[in-house]
Amino acid sequence: MREKVILVCERCLSRNYSTYKNKNTYLKRLEIKKFCPKCNMHTLHKESK
């Protein structure tokens, strides 16, 4: 089943993106490199709790 998750920037801790992940496929936290508008650069975004 898919679950909605919020992605948080590692650098500035702003919550920029939301996405869905499959709980059966991804057991660990999701990590994606995305553009942060606040930092104005590509940074690592991790799934929040």
N, C-alpha and C. Protein backbone atom coordinates (compact mmCIF):
# COMPACT_ATOMS: atom_id res chain seq x y z
N MET A 1 0.84 -1.19 0.00
CA MET A 1 0.00 0.00 0.00
C MET A 1 0.88 1.25 0.00
N ARG A 2 0.44 2.25 -0.73
CA ARG A 2 1.20 3.49 -0.82
C ARG A 2 0.88 4.41 0.36
N GLU A 3 1.90 5.16 0.77
CA GLU A 3 1.77 6.06 1.90
C GLU A 3 2.31 7.43 1.49
N LYS A 4 1.61 8.48 1.86
CA LYS A 4 2.05 9.83 1.55
C LYS A 4 3.14 10.24 2.53
N VAL A 5 4.25 10.76 2.01
CA VAL A 5 5.36 11.20 2.86
C VAL A 5 5.75 12.63 2.50
N ILE A 6 6.32 13.34 3.45
CA ILE A 6 6.78 14.70 3.26
C ILE A 6 8.30 14.69 3.25
N LEU A 7 8.89 15.39 2.26
CA LEU A 7 10.34 15.44 2.14
C LEU A 7 10.86 16.75 2.73
N VAL A 8 11.93 16.63 3.55
CA VAL A 8 12.50 17.77 4.25
C VAL A 8 13.92 17.99 3.77
N CYS A 9 14.27 19.23 3.51
CA CYS A 9 15.62 19.58 3.08
C CYS A 9 16.61 19.35 4.22
N GLU A 10 17.76 18.75 3.89
CA GLU A 10 18.79 18.49 4.90
C GLU A 10 19.46 19.77 5.36
N ARG A 11 19.57 20.72 4.48
CA ARG A 11 20.33 21.94 4.79
C ARG A 11 19.52 22.97 5.59
N CYS A 12 18.34 23.32 5.11
CA CYS A 12 17.56 24.38 5.75
C CYS A 12 16.35 23.86 6.52
N LEU A 13 16.07 22.55 6.44
CA LEU A 13 14.97 21.89 7.15
C LEU A 13 13.58 22.38 6.75
N SER A 14 13.47 22.90 5.55
CA SER A 14 12.14 23.31 5.07
C SER A 14 11.44 22.13 4.41
N ARG A 15 10.14 22.08 4.55
CA ARG A 15 9.34 20.99 3.98
C ARG A 15 8.85 21.43 2.61
N ASN A 16 9.56 20.97 1.58
CA ASN A 16 9.30 21.45 0.23
C ASN A 16 8.40 20.55 -0.60
N TYR A 17 8.55 19.25 -0.46
CA TYR A 17 7.89 18.32 -1.36
C TYR A 17 7.09 17.27 -0.60
N SER A 18 6.08 16.75 -1.25
CA SER A 18 5.36 15.59 -0.74
C SER A 18 5.24 14.59 -1.87
N THR A 19 5.35 13.32 -1.54
CA THR A 19 5.30 12.26 -2.53
C THR A 19 4.72 11.02 -1.90
N TYR A 20 4.59 9.97 -2.68
CA TYR A 20 4.09 8.70 -2.19
C TYR A 20 5.18 7.66 -2.27
N LYS A 21 5.18 6.72 -1.32
CA LYS A 21 6.13 5.62 -1.38
C LYS A 21 5.41 4.33 -1.05
N ASN A 22 5.94 3.25 -1.58
CA ASN A 22 5.39 1.94 -1.33
C ASN A 22 6.05 1.40 -0.06
N LYS A 23 5.28 1.12 0.96
CA LYS A 23 5.83 0.66 2.24
C LYS A 23 6.46 -0.73 2.14
N ASN A 24 5.97 -1.54 1.22
CA ASN A 24 6.52 -2.89 1.06
C ASN A 24 7.87 -2.87 0.34
N THR A 25 8.05 -1.95 -0.59
CA THR A 25 9.29 -1.87 -1.36
C THR A 25 10.39 -1.14 -0.60
N TYR A 26 10.08 0.03 -0.04
CA TYR A 26 11.05 0.87 0.66
C TYR A 26 10.83 0.75 2.16
N LEU A 27 11.66 -0.02 2.81
CA LEU A 27 11.52 -0.19 4.26
C LEU A 27 12.22 0.94 5.02
N LYS A 28 13.29 1.48 4.43
CA LYS A 28 14.01 2.58 5.06
C LYS A 28 13.39 3.91 4.65
N ARG A 29 13.92 4.99 5.21
CA ARG A 29 13.43 6.32 4.84
C ARG A 29 13.88 6.68 3.44
N LEU A 30 13.01 7.39 2.76
CA LEU A 30 13.26 7.79 1.39
C LEU A 30 14.24 8.96 1.37
N GLU A 31 15.24 8.92 0.46
CA GLU A 31 16.20 10.00 0.29
C GLU A 31 16.31 10.32 -1.19
N ILE A 32 16.02 11.57 -1.55
CA ILE A 32 16.05 12.00 -2.95
C ILE A 32 16.78 13.35 -3.02
N LYS A 33 17.59 13.51 -4.04
CA LYS A 33 18.24 14.80 -4.26
C LYS A 33 17.32 15.65 -5.14
N LYS A 34 16.84 16.76 -4.57
CA LYS A 34 15.89 17.63 -5.26
C LYS A 34 16.29 19.08 -5.09
N PHE A 35 15.66 19.95 -5.86
CA PHE A 35 15.94 21.38 -5.79
C PHE A 35 15.18 22.00 -4.63
N CYS A 36 15.89 22.76 -3.81
CA CYS A 36 15.27 23.49 -2.70
C CYS A 36 15.17 24.96 -3.09
N PRO A 37 13.97 25.53 -3.17
CA PRO A 37 13.82 26.93 -3.53
C PRO A 37 14.37 27.89 -2.48
N LYS A 38 14.35 27.47 -1.24
CA LYS A 38 14.86 28.33 -0.18
C LYS A 38 16.39 28.43 -0.20
N CYS A 39 17.06 27.29 -0.42
CA CYS A 39 18.52 27.25 -0.51
C CYS A 39 19.01 27.66 -1.90
N ASN A 40 18.13 27.56 -2.88
CA ASN A 40 18.44 27.87 -4.27
C ASN A 40 19.52 26.94 -4.83
N MET A 41 19.47 25.67 -4.45
CA MET A 41 20.40 24.67 -4.96
C MET A 41 19.82 23.27 -4.78
N HIS A 42 20.44 22.29 -5.41
CA HIS A 42 20.03 20.90 -5.26
C HIS A 42 20.61 20.34 -3.97
N THR A 43 19.75 19.83 -3.10
CA THR A 43 20.18 19.27 -1.83
C THR A 43 19.49 17.93 -1.60
N LEU A 44 19.97 17.21 -0.63
CA LEU A 44 19.38 15.94 -0.28
C LEU A 44 18.11 16.18 0.54
N HIS A 45 17.03 15.54 0.15
CA HIS A 45 15.76 15.64 0.87
C HIS A 45 15.44 14.29 1.45
N LYS A 46 15.11 14.25 2.73
CA LYS A 46 14.80 13.00 3.42
C LYS A 46 13.34 13.00 3.87
N GLU A 47 12.85 11.81 4.05
CA GLU A 47 11.48 11.63 4.53
C GLU A 47 11.38 12.04 6.00
N SER A 48 10.38 12.82 6.33
CA SER A 48 10.18 13.24 7.72
C SER A 48 9.43 12.16 8.49
N LYS A 49 9.42 12.26 9.80
CA LYS A 49 8.76 11.26 10.63
C LYS A 49 7.25 11.44 10.61
